[in-house]
Amino acid sequence: MNPKTEELLERTFLFGIDTLNFLLKLPKNKVYSIIIYQLAKASTSSGANYEEAQGAESKKDFKHKIGIVLKEIRESNYWFRILNSILPNSDSNKELQRLLNESLELKKIFTTIKFNVSKR
């Protein structure tokens, strides 16, 4: 397997794990519970779908799965932006900023991958 692919598999896996660990620290109320649920699903789904893409049955299947990864990363980025806007300053802000930046970087990477796959 390509070293860049292996690195990206690890990054998407850690993004999901780090997000789940971050979400465990958020306040427990109705507003946050919606965000926690949505972000937990999107952040872990991106890695799971990238993993699935590695076993794609065709180029068309790979392109489709990468499209799903991109959608899930974009959704994760959206929820992190929401949290960044509503979460009061706290010790978790450094971790929030790191995850927000990682979601943005992953969004750029998967946008590029999808674009390159679409050109073929």
C-alpha atoms as a PDB file:
ATOM      1  CA  MET A   1       0.000   0.000   0.000  1.00  0.00           C
ATOM      2  CA  ASN A   2       1.125   3.519  -0.792  1.00  0.00           C
ATOM      3  CA  PRO A   3       2.736   5.252   2.261  1.00  0.00           C
ATOM      4  CA  LYS A   4       0.543   8.336   1.741  1.00  0.00           C
ATOM      5  CA  THR A   5      -2.545   6.129   1.793  1.00  0.00           C
ATOM      6  CA  GLU A   6      -1.358   4.462   4.998  1.00  0.00           C
ATOM      7  CA  GLU A   7      -0.737   7.870   6.573  1.00  0.00           C
ATOM      8  CA  LEU A   8      -4.186   9.077   5.561  1.00  0.00           C
ATOM      9  CA  LEU A   9      -5.815   5.917   6.910  1.00  0.00           C
ATOM     10  CA  GLU A  10      -4.102   6.574  10.240  1.00  0.00           C
ATOM     11  CA  ARG A  11      -5.062  10.268  10.226  1.00  0.00           C
ATOM     12  CA  THR A  12      -8.723   9.541   9.566  1.00  0.00           C
ATOM     13  CA  PHE A  13      -8.716   6.837  12.253  1.00  0.00           C
ATOM     14  CA  LEU A  14      -7.121   9.173  14.812  1.00  0.00           C
ATOM     15  CA  PHE A  15      -9.458  11.991  13.783  1.00  0.00           C
ATOM     16  CA  GLY A  16     -12.415   9.798  14.736  1.00  0.00           C
ATOM     17  CA  ILE A  17     -10.838   8.650  18.014  1.00  0.00           C
ATOM     18  CA  ASP A  18      -9.688  12.142  19.002  1.00  0.00           C
ATOM     19  CA  THR A  19     -13.112  13.559  18.188  1.00  0.00           C
ATOM     20  CA  LEU A  20     -14.862  10.947  20.335  1.00  0.00           C
ATOM     21  CA  ASN A  21     -12.517  11.671  23.239  1.00  0.00           C
ATOM     22  CA  PHE A  22     -13.143  15.410  22.840  1.00  0.00           C
ATOM     23  CA  LEU A  23     -16.916  14.905  22.738  1.00  0.00           C
ATOM     24  CA  LEU A  24     -16.825  13.046  26.051  1.00  0.00           C
ATOM     25  CA  LYS A  25     -15.731  16.320  27.702  1.00  0.00           C
ATOM     26  CA  LEU A  26     -18.602  18.470  26.393  1.00  0.00           C
ATOM     27  CA  PRO A  27     -21.484  19.588  28.625  1.00  0.00           C
ATOM     28  CA  LYS A  28     -24.429  17.225  28.822  1.00  0.00           C
ATOM     29  CA  ASN A  29     -27.545  19.078  27.664  1.00  0.00           C
ATOM     30  CA  LYS A  30     -29.990  18.995  24.750  1.00  0.00           C
ATOM     31  CA  VAL A  31     -28.078  21.364  22.489  1.00  0.00           C
ATOM     32  CA  TYR A  32     -24.736  19.650  22.916  1.00  0.00           C
ATOM     33  CA  SER A  33     -26.269  16.176  22.692  1.00  0.00           C
ATOM     34  CA  ILE A  34     -27.386  16.910  19.106  1.00  0.00           C
ATOM     35  CA  ILE A  35     -23.918  18.120  18.143  1.00  0.00           C
ATOM     36  CA  ILE A  36     -22.235  15.217  19.928  1.00  0.00           C
ATOM     37  CA  TYR A  37     -24.399  12.680  18.097  1.00  0.00           C
ATOM     38  CA  GLN A  38     -23.914  14.233  14.661  1.00  0.00           C
ATOM     39  CA  LEU A  39     -20.186  14.843  15.066  1.00  0.00           C
ATOM     40  CA  ALA A  40     -19.540  11.362  16.473  1.00  0.00           C
ATOM     41  CA  LYS A  41     -21.215   9.829  13.427  1.00  0.00           C
ATOM     42  CA  ALA A  42     -19.570  12.064  10.814  1.00  0.00           C
ATOM     43  CA  SER A  43     -16.038  11.952  12.226  1.00  0.00           C
ATOM     44  CA  THR A  44     -15.924   8.174  12.541  1.00  0.00           C
ATOM     45  CA  SER A  45     -17.742   7.574   9.263  1.00  0.00           C
ATOM     46  CA  SER A  46     -15.104   9.478   7.313  1.00  0.00           C
ATOM     47  CA  GLY A  47     -12.392   7.052   8.417  1.00  0.00           C
ATOM     48  CA  ALA A  48     -14.594   3.999   7.967  1.00  0.00           C
ATOM     49  CA  ASN A  49     -15.493   5.028   4.427  1.00  0.00           C
ATOM     50  CA  TYR A  50     -11.880   5.771   3.522  1.00  0.00           C
ATOM     51  CA  GLU A  51     -11.001   2.312   4.804  1.00  0.00           C
ATOM     52  CA  GLU A  52     -13.794   0.887   2.622  1.00  0.00           C
ATOM     53  CA  ALA A  53     -12.501   2.836  -0.373  1.00  0.00           C
ATOM     54  CA  GLN A  54      -9.263   0.861  -0.168  1.00  0.00           C
ATOM     55  CA  GLY A  55     -11.246  -2.253  -1.058  1.00  0.00           C
ATOM     56  CA  ALA A  56     -13.266  -0.616  -3.810  1.00  0.00           C
ATOM     57  CA  GLU A  57     -14.360  -2.963  -6.568  1.00  0.00           C
ATOM     58  CA  SER A  58     -13.835  -0.443  -9.359  1.00  0.00           C
ATOM     59  CA  LYS A  59     -12.687   3.111 -10.039  1.00  0.00           C
ATOM     60  CA  LYS A  60     -16.335   4.176 -10.012  1.00  0.00           C
ATOM     61  CA  ASP A  61     -16.821   2.539  -6.598  1.00  0.00           C
ATOM     62  CA  PHE A  62     -13.642   4.219  -5.289  1.00  0.00           C
ATOM     63  CA  LYS A  63     -14.812   7.610  -6.544  1.00  0.00           C
ATOM     64  CA  HIS A  64     -18.204   7.101  -4.882  1.00  0.00           C
ATOM     65  CA  LYS A  65     -16.647   6.134  -1.537  1.00  0.00           C
ATOM     66  CA  ILE A  66     -14.230   9.088  -1.644  1.00  0.00           C
ATOM     67  CA  GLY A  67     -17.263  11.304  -2.250  1.00  0.00           C
ATOM     68  CA  ILE A  68     -18.833   9.928   0.937  1.00  0.00           C
ATOM     69  CA  VAL A  69     -15.593  10.508   2.863  1.00  0.00           C
ATOM     70  CA  LEU A  70     -15.552  14.112   1.666  1.00  0.00           C
ATOM     71  CA  LYS A  71     -19.194  14.638   2.662  1.00  0.00           C
ATOM     72  CA  GLU A  72     -18.542  13.255   6.157  1.00  0.00           C
ATOM     73  CA  ILE A  73     -15.395  15.348   6.627  1.00  0.00           C
ATOM     74  CA  ARG A  74     -17.267  18.454   5.468  1.00  0.00           C
ATOM     75  CA  GLU A  75     -20.010  17.688   7.981  1.00  0.00           C
ATOM     76  CA  SER A  76     -17.423  17.193  10.738  1.00  0.00           C
ATOM     77  CA  ASN A  77     -15.863  20.528   9.860  1.00  0.00           C
ATOM     78  CA  TYR A  78     -19.296  22.167  10.023  1.00  0.00           C
ATOM     79  CA  TRP A  79     -20.002  20.827  13.530  1.00  0.00           C
ATOM     80  CA  PHE A  80     -16.551  21.853  14.749  1.00  0.00           C
ATOM     81  CA  ARG A  81     -17.223  25.362  13.428  1.00  0.00           C
ATOM     82  CA  ILE A  82     -20.512  25.390  15.342  1.00  0.00           C
ATOM     83  CA  LEU A  83     -18.733  24.293  18.536  1.00  0.00           C
ATOM     84  CA  ASN A  84     -16.055  26.906  17.969  1.00  0.00           C
ATOM     85  CA  SER A  85     -18.780  29.547  17.886  1.00  0.00           C
ATOM     86  CA  ILE A  86     -20.785  28.424  20.920  1.00  0.00           C
ATOM     87  CA  LEU A  87     -18.329  26.771  23.299  1.00  0.00           C
ATOM     88  CA  PRO A  88     -17.214  29.138  26.034  1.00  0.00           C
ATOM     89  CA  ASN A  89     -13.477  29.598  26.445  1.00  0.00           C
ATOM     90  CA  SER A  90     -12.137  26.647  28.356  1.00  0.00           C
ATOM     91  CA  ASP A  91      -9.290  24.184  28.573  1.00  0.00           C
ATOM     92  CA  SER A  92     -10.803  22.249  25.656  1.00  0.00           C
ATOM     93  CA  ASN A  93     -10.396  25.161  23.229  1.00  0.00           C
ATOM     94  CA  LYS A  94      -6.864  24.104  22.267  1.00  0.00           C
ATOM     95  CA  GLU A  95      -8.119  20.612  21.411  1.00  0.00           C
ATOM     96  CA  LEU A  96     -11.125  22.095  19.592  1.00  0.00           C
ATOM     97  CA  GLN A  97      -8.837  24.270  17.472  1.00  0.00           C
ATOM     98  CA  ARG A  98      -6.609  21.297  16.661  1.00  0.00           C
ATOM     99  CA  LEU A  99      -9.594  19.182  15.579  1.00  0.00           C
ATOM    100  CA  LEU A 100     -11.114  22.060  13.619  1.00  0.00           C
ATOM    101  CA  ASN A 101      -7.795  22.518  11.786  1.00  0.00           C
ATOM    102  CA  GLU A 102      -7.479  18.784  11.155  1.00  0.00           C
ATOM    103  CA  SER A 103     -11.004  18.656   9.713  1.00  0.00           C
ATOM    104  CA  LEU A 104     -10.128  21.549   7.410  1.00  0.00           C
ATOM    105  CA  GLU A 105      -6.895  19.871   6.277  1.00  0.00           C
ATOM    106  CA  LEU A 106      -8.682  16.560   5.669  1.00  0.00           C
ATOM    107  CA  LYS A 107     -11.398  18.403   3.747  1.00  0.00           C
ATOM    108  CA  LYS A 108      -8.750  19.902   1.464  1.00  0.00           C
ATOM    109  CA  ILE A 109      -6.987  16.565   1.004  1.00  0.00           C
ATOM    110  CA  PHE A 110     -10.165  14.674   0.113  1.00  0.00           C
ATOM    111  CA  THR A 111     -11.344  17.473  -2.165  1.00  0.00           C
ATOM    112  CA  THR A 112      -8.074  17.084  -4.073  1.00  0.00           C
ATOM    113  CA  ILE A 113      -8.366  13.291  -4.166  1.00  0.00           C
ATOM    114  CA  LYS A 114     -11.941  13.492  -5.452  1.00  0.00           C
ATOM    115  CA  PHE A 115     -10.949  16.054  -8.085  1.00  0.00           C
ATOM    116  CA  ASN A 116      -8.014  13.902  -9.263  1.00  0.00           C
ATOM    117  CA  VAL A 117     -10.119  10.733  -9.388  1.00  0.00           C
ATOM    118  CA  SER A 118     -12.797  12.578 -11.388  1.00  0.00           C
ATOM    119  CA  LYS A 119     -10.226  13.623 -13.998  1.00  0.00           C
ATOM    120  CA  ARG A 120      -9.327  10.021 -14.845  1.00  0.00           C
END
